[in-house]
């Protein structure tokens, strides 16, 4: 009897695996993703079926970008674009590829300041919030109920006591460990707190796709902050496991602030089906800064592969230098090919990744790519003092990108991300100096996978099989 029940159970599991495999073929965004799921589901259904329930979601059925319901804001974007047109022409490659992906124009008259590492970033965020006069819009993928989280929460609540309207979006997957007490305290303090997945997206903490990975703070529509850091003690280097955590934010002033505000407005509308109560400031004059800039947001509802195309657009325009800092290196086939071609063209291609482990499988998978890109001339640098979490792209002497997008399939296809593209030599030079300093605290990887420890030699190829869903 037990044998019969076991056989029946296994038969039903295989049928479920085949059904899930069909869904993977029908809905996965890439053939590589389909093949990975098919092999995983058919060969190991006991492991794969539960994994598919967590990770096997590829798009938003019926997703309609909230921008369509923001006609007033879009009209303002058009006005800003006409009054603040880009000063530069984008060189031989122009600006149209990035503008097409963002569906927004590159605008001039921006001031961009780099904010390096946790203490500096947290201090800048709190100072910005403390100076707010009308409203604060903030969103983070991860919030912790720790010292850093309480400092941030106190700043938000203090703004409310001054009569400032404060709104906070958080991601329920990223904040799975956040105490309800923390959220209740913010609400009691007058902060309007909203789960980014409240209506759509993951319905429980087991579903891992469609995370809102964006991080930003917008103050009065005149100043904004975005970058890689979340709100927690580890991001300030206070957790020994991760060492001296390395992260980067940027502070924006000028017309690009309105573009970042539009991204927040879309996310708020997506989460609530309403627009934020009270008027938002869409009237910003150019600052004394001369930088051309563009906020490029990407997500699983985009009609194109925005995240992957963003990386490819950066890579293919490089003529002399392409430096990329990312905590994860699990590129799709298009990005992988573009990197190799750039290096073969003679471009100085450097990838800066952490030596310290954050997510074991993703960390292992990267080793399966290192030999392939190194053979084409790509340099792999491994940062050692602490976990490197910044997401930076530097192209030649004229383009720098600071944002939330990692070089992996999850960021490119399954997460909501954003990055600020800056077409300005002064900002590019500042980013170059920052990365040059990072390279002094990293080492150049020169050992092939065959010379790595046994666990990496064995684990990396298997981890790479999961690359399309990492």
Protein backbone atom coordinates (compact mmCIF):
# COMPACT_ATOMS: atom_id res chain seq x y z
CA UNK A 1 0.00 0.00 0.00
CA UNK A 2 2.77 2.43 0.94
CA UNK A 3 4.57 1.64 -2.31
CA UNK A 4 1.39 2.39 -4.25
CA UNK A 5 0.86 5.69 -2.45
CA UNK A 6 4.52 6.61 -3.01
CA UNK A 7 4.23 5.80 -6.72
CA UNK A 8 1.03 7.82 -7.00
CA UNK A 9 2.60 10.76 -5.17
CA UNK A 10 5.67 10.70 -7.38
CA UNK A 11 3.48 10.46 -10.49
CA UNK A 12 1.51 13.53 -9.41
CA UNK A 13 4.77 15.34 -8.65
CA UNK A 14 6.08 14.56 -12.16
CA UNK A 15 2.82 15.76 -13.72
CA UNK A 16 3.12 18.97 -11.73
CA UNK A 17 6.74 19.33 -12.83
CA UNK A 18 5.76 18.88 -16.48
CA UNK A 19 3.01 21.49 -16.11
CA UNK A 20 5.46 23.91 -14.51
CA UNK A 21 7.97 23.18 -17.29
CA UNK A 22 5.33 24.15 -19.84
CA UNK A 23 4.70 27.38 -17.95
CA UNK A 24 8.43 28.05 -17.95
CA UNK A 25 8.57 27.61 -21.74
CA UNK A 26 5.53 29.79 -22.27
CA UNK A 27 6.44 32.60 -19.90
CA UNK A 28 10.18 32.76 -19.28
CA UNK A 29 11.79 35.81 -20.84
CA UNK A 30 14.81 33.96 -22.23
CA UNK A 31 15.41 30.49 -23.78
CA UNK A 32 18.20 30.02 -21.22
CA UNK A 33 15.71 30.53 -18.41
CA UNK A 34 13.29 28.03 -19.96
CA UNK A 35 15.97 25.38 -20.43
CA UNK A 36 17.26 25.80 -16.88
CA UNK A 37 13.79 25.33 -15.44
CA UNK A 38 12.93 22.39 -17.72
CA UNK A 39 16.05 20.46 -16.74
CA UNK A 40 15.64 21.29 -13.07
CA UNK A 41 11.94 20.35 -13.00
CA UNK A 42 12.12 17.12 -14.99
CA UNK A 43 15.31 15.74 -13.44
CA UNK A 44 14.76 16.73 -9.80
CA UNK A 45 11.04 17.40 -9.28
CA UNK A 46 11.27 16.94 -5.51
CA UNK A 47 13.52 20.01 -5.27
CA UNK A 48 12.37 21.88 -8.35
CA UNK A 49 8.59 21.99 -7.80
CA UNK A 50 8.87 23.83 -4.45
CA UNK A 51 11.56 26.07 -5.97
CA UNK A 52 9.28 26.95 -8.87
CA UNK A 53 6.55 27.98 -6.45
CA UNK A 54 9.02 30.46 -4.96
CA UNK A 55 11.01 31.61 -7.99
CA UNK A 56 9.03 30.59 -11.05
CA UNK A 57 7.15 33.79 -11.77
CA UNK A 58 8.21 35.58 -14.91
CA UNK A 59 5.89 38.50 -15.54
CA UNK A 60 3.01 40.55 -14.26
CA UNK A 61 -0.17 39.39 -15.98
CA UNK A 62 -2.19 42.45 -16.87
CA UNK A 63 0.53 44.82 -15.76
CA UNK A 64 -0.17 48.35 -16.94
CA UNK A 65 2.55 50.84 -16.16
CA UNK A 66 1.22 53.52 -13.85
CA UNK A 67 2.82 56.17 -16.03
CA UNK A 68 -0.24 55.93 -18.29
CA UNK A 69 -2.36 57.16 -15.41
CA UNK A 70 -0.03 60.05 -14.64
CA UNK A 71 -0.87 62.35 -17.53
CA UNK A 72 -0.28 65.49 -15.51
CA UNK A 73 3.16 64.34 -14.43
CA UNK A 74 4.07 63.26 -17.95
CA UNK A 75 3.03 66.65 -19.28
CA UNK A 76 5.41 68.22 -16.79
CA UNK A 77 8.17 65.85 -17.95
CA UNK A 78 7.65 67.03 -21.51
CA UNK A 79 7.83 70.66 -20.42
CA UNK A 80 11.01 70.04 -18.45
CA UNK A 81 12.51 68.23 -21.41
CA UNK A 82 11.82 71.17 -23.70
CA UNK A 83 13.09 73.80 -21.25
CA UNK A 84 16.13 71.81 -20.11
CA UNK A 85 17.37 69.97 -23.20
CA UNK A 86 20.64 68.10 -23.05
CA UNK A 87 23.66 70.29 -23.68
CA UNK A 88 25.69 67.42 -25.12
CA UNK A 89 24.87 65.23 -28.08
CA UNK A 90 26.04 61.95 -26.58
CA UNK A 91 29.02 61.63 -28.91
CA UNK A 92 29.12 59.14 -31.79
CA UNK A 93 26.41 56.99 -30.22
CA UNK A 94 24.04 59.77 -29.23
CA UNK A 95 21.53 59.65 -26.40
CA UNK A 96 18.54 58.08 -28.11
CA UNK A 97 19.16 54.49 -26.95
CA UNK A 98 19.00 55.48 -23.30
CA UNK A 99 16.10 57.88 -23.86
CA UNK A 100 14.19 55.15 -25.65
CA UNK A 101 14.70 52.70 -22.81
CA UNK A 102 13.74 55.28 -20.17
CA UNK A 103 10.94 56.83 -22.22
CA UNK A 104 12.20 60.11 -20.87
CA UNK A 105 14.57 62.76 -22.24
CA UNK A 106 18.09 63.48 -21.07
CA UNK A 107 17.88 66.83 -19.25
CA UNK A 108 20.54 69.41 -18.46
CA UNK A 109 21.27 71.66 -15.50
CA UNK A 110 21.78 68.93 -12.89
CA UNK A 111 24.14 68.79 -9.93
CA UNK A 112 25.23 65.29 -8.90
CA UNK A 113 27.24 64.64 -5.73
CA UNK A 114 28.68 61.24 -4.87
CA UNK A 115 27.95 59.91 -1.38
CA UNK A 116 30.42 57.19 -0.45
CA UNK A 117 29.71 54.55 2.20
CA UNK A 118 27.11 54.15 4.89
CA UNK A 119 27.83 56.85 7.44
CA UNK A 120 28.08 59.55 4.77
CA UNK A 121 24.93 58.30 3.03
CA UNK A 122 22.83 58.03 6.19
CA UNK A 123 23.96 61.47 7.35
CA UNK A 124 23.07 63.00 3.97
CA UNK A 125 19.66 61.33 3.91
CA UNK A 126 18.81 62.55 7.40
CA UNK A 127 20.05 66.07 6.64
CA UNK A 128 17.92 66.14 3.51
CA UNK A 129 14.84 64.94 5.38
CA UNK A 130 15.49 67.41 8.20
CA UNK A 131 15.49 70.25 5.65
CA UNK A 132 12.17 69.20 4.09
CA UNK A 133 9.49 71.87 4.07
CA UNK A 134 6.59 70.23 2.21
CA UNK A 135 7.01 66.52 1.61
CA UNK A 136 9.36 63.52 1.68
CA UNK A 137 8.96 60.51 -0.61
CA UNK A 138 11.10 57.52 0.34
CA UNK A 139 11.40 53.89 -0.64
CA UNK A 140 13.80 51.10 0.28
CA UNK A 141 14.05 47.42 -0.49
CA UNK A 142 15.37 46.56 2.98
CA UNK A 143 14.66 48.29 6.29
CA UNK A 144 16.02 46.96 9.58
CA UNK A 145 14.75 47.52 13.11
CA UNK A 146 18.25 48.29 14.34
CA UNK A 147 20.26 51.37 15.20
CA UNK A 148 20.44 52.54 11.59
CA UNK A 149 16.77 51.85 10.98
CA UNK A 150 15.76 53.76 14.09
CA UNK A 151 17.90 56.76 13.14
CA UNK A 152 16.18 56.86 9.76
CA UNK A 153 12.72 56.37 11.30
CA UNK A 154 13.30 59.14 13.83
CA UNK A 155 14.23 61.52 11.01
CA UNK A 156 11.03 60.68 9.12
CA UNK A 157 8.85 61.10 12.23
CA UNK A 158 10.54 64.38 13.13
CA UNK A 159 9.65 65.70 9.68
CA UNK A 160 5.99 64.84 10.30
CA UNK A 161 6.00 66.84 13.54
CA UNK A 162 7.10 69.89 11.52
CA UNK A 163 4.06 69.51 9.27
CA UNK A 164 5.86 67.71 6.45
CA UNK A 165 3.98 65.01 4.56
CA UNK A 166 6.06 61.80 4.66
CA UNK A 167 5.47 58.67 2.59
CA UNK A 168 7.47 55.44 2.73
CA UNK A 169 7.33 52.49 0.32
CA UNK A 170 8.95 49.24 1.43
CA UNK A 171 9.24 45.80 -0.18
CA UNK A 172 7.67 43.01 1.87
CA UNK A 173 10.12 40.42 0.49
CA UNK A 174 13.20 42.49 1.26
CA UNK A 175 11.73 43.41 4.63
CA UNK A 176 10.68 39.86 5.52
CA UNK A 177 12.61 40.11 8.78
CA UNK A 178 11.35 43.57 9.70
CA UNK A 179 9.32 43.72 12.89
CA UNK A 180 5.72 44.89 12.74
CA UNK A 181 6.59 47.09 15.70
CA UNK A 182 8.88 49.17 13.49
CA UNK A 183 6.16 49.75 10.90
CA UNK A 184 3.52 50.47 13.55
CA UNK A 185 5.82 53.02 15.18
CA UNK A 186 6.25 54.85 11.87
CA UNK A 187 2.50 54.85 11.25
CA UNK A 188 1.84 56.09 14.78
CA UNK A 189 4.32 58.89 14.07
CA UNK A 190 2.28 60.03 11.09
CA UNK A 191 4.31 58.44 8.28
CA UNK A 192 2.18 57.01 5.47
CA UNK A 193 3.70 53.53 5.12
CA UNK A 194 2.83 51.30 2.15
CA UNK A 195 3.94 47.83 1.11
CA UNK A 196 5.01 48.05 -2.55
CA UNK A 197 3.37 44.64 -3.10
CA UNK A 198 0.11 45.47 -1.37
CA UNK A 199 -2.18 45.00 -4.38
CA UNK A 200 0.01 43.28 -6.96
CA UNK A 201 3.28 41.40 -6.81
CA UNK A 202 4.22 38.74 -4.24
CA UNK A 203 1.29 37.70 -2.10
CA UNK A 204 3.47 36.02 0.48
CA UNK A 205 7.06 36.00 1.63
CA UNK A 206 7.80 32.76 -0.21
CA UNK A 207 7.38 34.33 -3.64
CA UNK A 208 10.75 35.86 -4.42
CA UNK A 209 10.22 37.46 -7.84
CA UNK A 210 9.02 40.97 -8.65
CA UNK A 211 10.85 42.68 -5.81
CA UNK A 212 10.92 46.45 -5.71
CA UNK A 213 14.68 46.83 -5.34
CA UNK A 214 14.68 50.63 -5.71
CA UNK A 215 16.09 52.93 -3.03
CA UNK A 216 15.38 56.65 -3.05
CA UNK A 217 14.53 59.68 -0.98
CA UNK A 218 12.95 62.75 -2.62
CA UNK A 219 12.66 66.01 -0.72
CA UNK A 220 10.17 68.69 -1.83
CA UNK A 221 10.74 67.78 -5.47
CA UNK A 222 13.98 69.77 -5.41
CA UNK A 223 16.52 67.25 -4.11
CA UNK A 224 16.74 63.48 -4.40
CA UNK A 225 18.97 60.60 -3.36
CA UNK A 226 19.40 57.14 -4.87
CA UNK A 227 21.95 54.34 -5.02
CA UNK A 228 22.74 50.90 -3.69
CA UNK A 229 22.42 51.21 0.09
CA UNK A 230 19.48 49.97 2.14
CA UNK A 231 18.67 50.96 5.72
CA UNK A 232 20.39 48.64 8.18
CA UNK A 233 23.47 48.35 10.37
CA UNK A 234 25.39 46.16 7.90
CA UNK A 235 25.28 49.00 5.36
CA UNK A 236 27.24 51.16 7.78
CA UNK A 237 29.86 48.47 8.36
CA UNK A 238 28.53 47.62 11.82
CA UNK A 239 28.09 43.88 11.19
CA UNK A 240 31.41 42.02 11.50
CA UNK A 241 30.42 39.29 9.02
CA UNK A 242 30.44 41.79 6.12
CA UNK A 243 33.41 43.91 7.19
CA UNK A 244 33.70 47.50 5.96
CA UNK A 245 30.62 47.55 3.76
CA UNK A 246 31.22 49.43 0.51
CA UNK A 247 28.30 51.31 -1.03
CA UNK A 248 27.53 54.42 -3.08
CA UNK A 249 24.62 56.83 -3.33
CA UNK A 250 24.27 60.10 -5.19
CA UNK A 251 22.48 63.35 -4.39
CA UNK A 252 20.60 64.98 -7.26
CA UNK A 253 19.50 68.55 -7.77
CA UNK A 254 17.91 69.80 -10.96
CA UNK A 255 15.40 68.44 -13.50
CA UNK A 256 16.47 64.80 -12.99
CA UNK A 257 14.83 64.99 -9.55
CA UNK A 258 11.44 65.16 -11.25
CA UNK A 259 12.24 62.03 -13.22
CA UNK A 260 13.07 60.15 -10.03
CA UNK A 261 9.88 61.53 -8.51
CA UNK A 262 7.93 60.16 -11.47
CA UNK A 263 9.36 56.69 -10.81
CA UNK A 264 8.22 56.93 -7.19
CA UNK A 265 4.79 58.12 -8.34
CA UNK A 266 4.47 55.06 -10.57
CA UNK A 267 5.43 52.73 -7.73
CA UNK A 268 3.01 54.43 -5.35
CA UNK A 269 0.21 54.19 -7.89
CA UNK A 270 1.08 50.54 -8.51
CA UNK A 271 0.94 49.77 -4.80
CA UNK A 272 -2.17 51.77 -3.91
CA UNK A 273 -4.09 52.51 -7.13
CA UNK A 274 -4.05 56.13 -5.98
CA UNK A 275 -1.78 59.11 -6.42
CA UNK A 276 -0.14 60.58 -3.32
CA UNK A 277 -2.53 62.94 -1.57
CA UNK A 278 -1.42 66.53 -1.83
CA UNK A 279 0.37 68.21 -4.70
CA UNK A 280 3.89 67.32 -5.76
CA UNK A 281 6.35 69.86 -7.01
CA UNK A 282 7.02 69.50 -10.74
CA UNK A 283 8.47 72.97 -11.21
CA UNK A 284 12.23 72.83 -10.94
CA UNK A 285 14.68 75.20 -12.56
CA UNK A 286 18.12 74.03 -13.65
CA UNK A 287 20.80 74.32 -11.00
CA UNK A 288 24.21 75.86 -11.45
CA UNK A 289 25.44 72.36 -12.26
CA UNK A 290 25.95 71.63 -15.93
CA UNK A 291 25.46 67.87 -15.98
CA UNK A 292 23.16 66.13 -18.44
CA UNK A 293 21.33 63.30 -16.68
CA UNK A 294 18.59 60.74 -17.09
CA UNK A 295 16.80 58.45 -14.63
CA UNK A 296 16.30 55.03 -16.19
CA UNK A 297 13.86 52.73 -14.40
CA UNK A 298 13.38 49.09 -15.32
CA UNK A 299 11.04 46.33 -14.25
CA UNK A 300 9.30 43.07 -15.19
CA UNK A 301 6.39 44.96 -16.77
CA UNK A 302 8.58 46.65 -19.38
CA UNK A 303 7.84 45.76 -23.01
CA UNK A 304 11.58 45.32 -23.66
CA UNK A 305 14.47 43.80 -21.69
CA UNK A 306 15.28 47.22 -20.24
CA UNK A 307 17.82 46.09 -17.65
CA UNK A 308 19.86 43.96 -20.02
CA UNK A 309 19.65 46.55 -22.81
CA UNK A 310 20.85 49.25 -20.40
CA UNK A 311 24.05 47.29 -19.72
CA UNK A 312 24.52 46.48 -23.41
CA UNK A 313 24.05 50.14 -24.37
CA UNK A 314 26.74 51.17 -21.87
CA UNK A 315 29.13 48.41 -22.91
CA UNK A 316 28.86 48.87 -26.65
CA UNK A 317 29.53 52.62 -26.54
CA UNK A 318 32.82 52.20 -24.63
CA UNK A 319 35.90 53.06 -26.69
CA UNK A 320 38.64 53.35 -24.05
CA UNK A 321 37.39 52.36 -20.63
CA UNK A 322 34.55 50.33 -19.11
CA UNK A 323 34.66 49.88 -15.34
CA UNK A 324 31.78 48.15 -13.60
CA UNK A 325 31.27 47.59 -9.87
CA UNK A 326 28.60 45.08 -8.90
CA UNK A 327 28.08 42.77 -5.91
CA UNK A 328 27.07 39.95 -8.28
CA UNK A 329 28.39 38.87 -11.67
CA UNK A 330 25.89 36.55 -13.33
CA UNK A 331 25.43 38.20 -16.75
CA UNK A 332 23.02 36.99 -19.40
CA UNK A 333 24.39 35.86 -22.75
CA UNK A 334 23.93 39.27 -24.39
CA UNK A 335 25.82 41.14 -21.68
CA UNK A 336 28.47 38.42 -21.58
CA UNK A 337 29.05 38.70 -25.33
CA UNK A 338 29.13 42.50 -25.22
CA UNK A 339 31.76 42.45 -22.46
CA UNK A 340 33.99 40.07 -24.38
CA UNK A 341 33.68 42.04 -27.63
CA UNK A 342 34.52 45.28 -25.80
CA UNK A 343 37.67 43.73 -24.32
CA UNK A 344 38.67 42.25 -27.68
CA UNK A 345 38.29 45.73 -29.20
CA UNK A 346 40.97 46.92 -26.78
CA UNK A 347 38.70 48.58 -24.23
CA UNK A 348 40.01 48.56 -20.65
CA UNK A 349 37.23 46.39 -19.18
CA UNK A 350 37.31 45.88 -15.42
CA UNK A 351 34.72 44.18 -13.25
CA UNK A 352 34.92 44.89 -9.51
CA UNK A 353 33.19 42.30 -7.33
CA UNK A 354 33.37 41.39 -3.63
CA UNK A 355 35.59 38.70 -2.18
CA UNK A 356 33.21 38.32 0.77
CA UNK A 357 30.19 36.06 0.31
CA UNK A 358 26.66 37.45 0.59
CA UNK A 359 24.55 34.90 -1.31
CA UNK A 360 26.50 31.65 -1.71
CA UNK A 361 24.97 30.32 -4.95
CA UNK A 362 25.20 33.65 -6.76
CA UNK A 363 28.77 34.11 -5.52
CA UNK A 364 29.69 30.62 -6.75
CA UNK A 365 28.04 31.10 -10.15
CA UNK A 366 30.30 34.07 -10.87
CA UNK A 367 33.37 31.81 -10.87
CA UNK A 368 31.90 29.92 -13.81
CA UNK A 369 32.02 33.14 -15.86
CA UNK A 370 35.38 34.54 -14.78
CA UNK A 371 37.57 32.32 -16.98
CA UNK A 372 35.41 32.99 -20.03
CA UNK A 373 35.62 36.78 -19.82
CA UNK A 374 39.25 36.79 -18.67
CA UNK A 375 40.17 34.86 -21.81
CA UNK A 376 38.86 37.82 -23.84
CA UNK A 377 40.86 40.32 -21.80
CA UNK A 378 38.35 41.36 -19.14
CA UNK A 379 39.97 42.05 -15.76
CA UNK A 380 38.25 40.69 -12.64
CA UNK A 381 39.06 42.60 -9.46
CA UNK A 382 38.00 41.25 -6.08
CA UNK A 383 37.35 43.78 -3.31
CA UNK A 384 38.63 42.57 0.07
CA UNK A 385 38.00 44.95 3.04
CA UNK A 386 34.26 44.26 3.20
CA UNK A 387 31.23 43.39 1.14
CA UNK A 388 31.02 45.53 -2.02
CA UNK A 389 27.41 46.45 -2.74
CA UNK A 390 27.64 49.50 -5.01
CA UNK A 391 26.20 49.38 -8.53
CA UNK A 392 28.38 51.60 -10.74
CA UNK A 393 29.12 51.75 -14.47
CA UNK A 394 31.79 54.09 -15.89
CA UNK A 395 32.15 54.47 -19.65
CA UNK A 396 35.20 56.30 -20.99
CA UNK A 397 35.46 59.84 -19.59
CA UNK A 398 31.90 60.96 -20.15
CA UNK A 399 29.26 58.58 -18.80
CA UNK A 400 28.68 57.36 -15.25
CA UNK A 401 25.76 55.40 -13.86
CA UNK A 402 24.86 55.17 -10.17
CA UNK A 403 21.85 53.15 -9.11
CA UNK A 404 20.35 49.92 -7.84
CA UNK A 405 20.86 47.54 -10.79
CA UNK A 406 23.11 44.53 -10.23
CA UNK A 407 24.72 42.61 -13.07
CA UNK A 408 22.51 39.54 -12.76
CA UNK A 409 19.32 38.20 -14.28
CA UNK A 410 17.22 39.05 -11.26
CA UNK A 411 18.03 42.76 -11.52
CA UNK A 412 17.76 42.79 -15.30
CA UNK A 413 14.47 40.91 -15.59
CA UNK A 414 12.68 40.24 -12.32
CA UNK A 415 13.21 43.28 -10.09
CA UNK A 416 12.09 46.89 -10.25
CA UNK A 417 15.33 48.88 -10.48
CA UNK A 418 16.53 52.39 -11.26
CA UNK A 419 19.79 54.09 -12.14
CA UNK A 420 20.92 57.65 -12.78
CA UNK A 421 22.87 58.07 -16.01
CA UNK A 422 25.11 61.13 -15.97
CA UNK A 423 26.64 62.40 -19.21
CA UNK A 424 29.27 64.71 -17.76
CA UNK A 425 33.06 64.63 -17.73
CA UNK A 426 33.43 66.14 -14.26
CA UNK A 427 31.11 63.56 -12.68
CA UNK A 428 32.75 60.75 -14.67
CA UNK A 429 36.15 61.91 -13.38
CA UNK A 430 34.87 61.86 -9.80
CA UNK A 431 33.50 58.33 -10.26
CA UNK A 432 36.82 57.27 -11.81
CA UNK A 433 38.73 58.55 -8.78
CA UNK A 434 36.36 56.68 -6.48
CA UNK A 435 36.84 53.41 -8.40
CA UNK A 436 40.59 53.89 -8.61
CA UNK A 437 40.62 54.05 -4.82
CA UNK A 438 38.50 50.88 -4.71
CA UNK A 439 40.96 49.07 -6.96
CA UNK A 440 43.76 49.81 -4.49
CA UNK A 441 41.82 47.73 -1.97
CA UNK A 442 41.19 44.88 -4.37
CA UNK A 443 43.32 42.27 -6.09
CA UNK A 444 43.38 41.18 -9.71
CA UNK A 445 42.08 37.63 -10.12
CA UNK A 446 44.70 35.59 -11.99
CA UNK A 447 43.81 32.04 -10.96
CA UNK A 448 41.65 29.94 -13.28
CA UNK A 449 38.74 27.96 -11.92
CA UNK A 450 40.90 24.83 -12.19
CA UNK A 451 43.23 26.33 -9.60
CA UNK A 452 40.48 27.34 -7.17
CA UNK A 453 39.55 25.32 -4.07
CA UNK A 454 37.68 22.07 -4.70
CA UNK A 455 34.33 23.45 -3.51
CA UNK A 456 34.46 26.25 -6.10
CA UNK A 457 35.60 23.96 -8.93
CA UNK A 458 32.68 21.63 -8.29
CA UNK A 459 30.06 24.14 -7.18
CA UNK A 460 30.53 26.89 -9.79
CA UNK A 461 29.36 24.93 -12.88
CA UNK A 462 26.27 23.70 -11.06
CA UNK A 463 25.51 27.18 -9.72
CA UNK A 464 25.79 28.54 -13.26
CA UNK A 465 22.95 26.24 -14.33
CA UNK A 466 20.71 28.32 -12.07
CA UNK A 467 22.04 31.63 -13.49
CA UNK A 468 18.87 32.47 -15.45
CA UNK A 469 16.86 32.53 -12.22
CA UNK A 470 19.47 33.96 -9.82
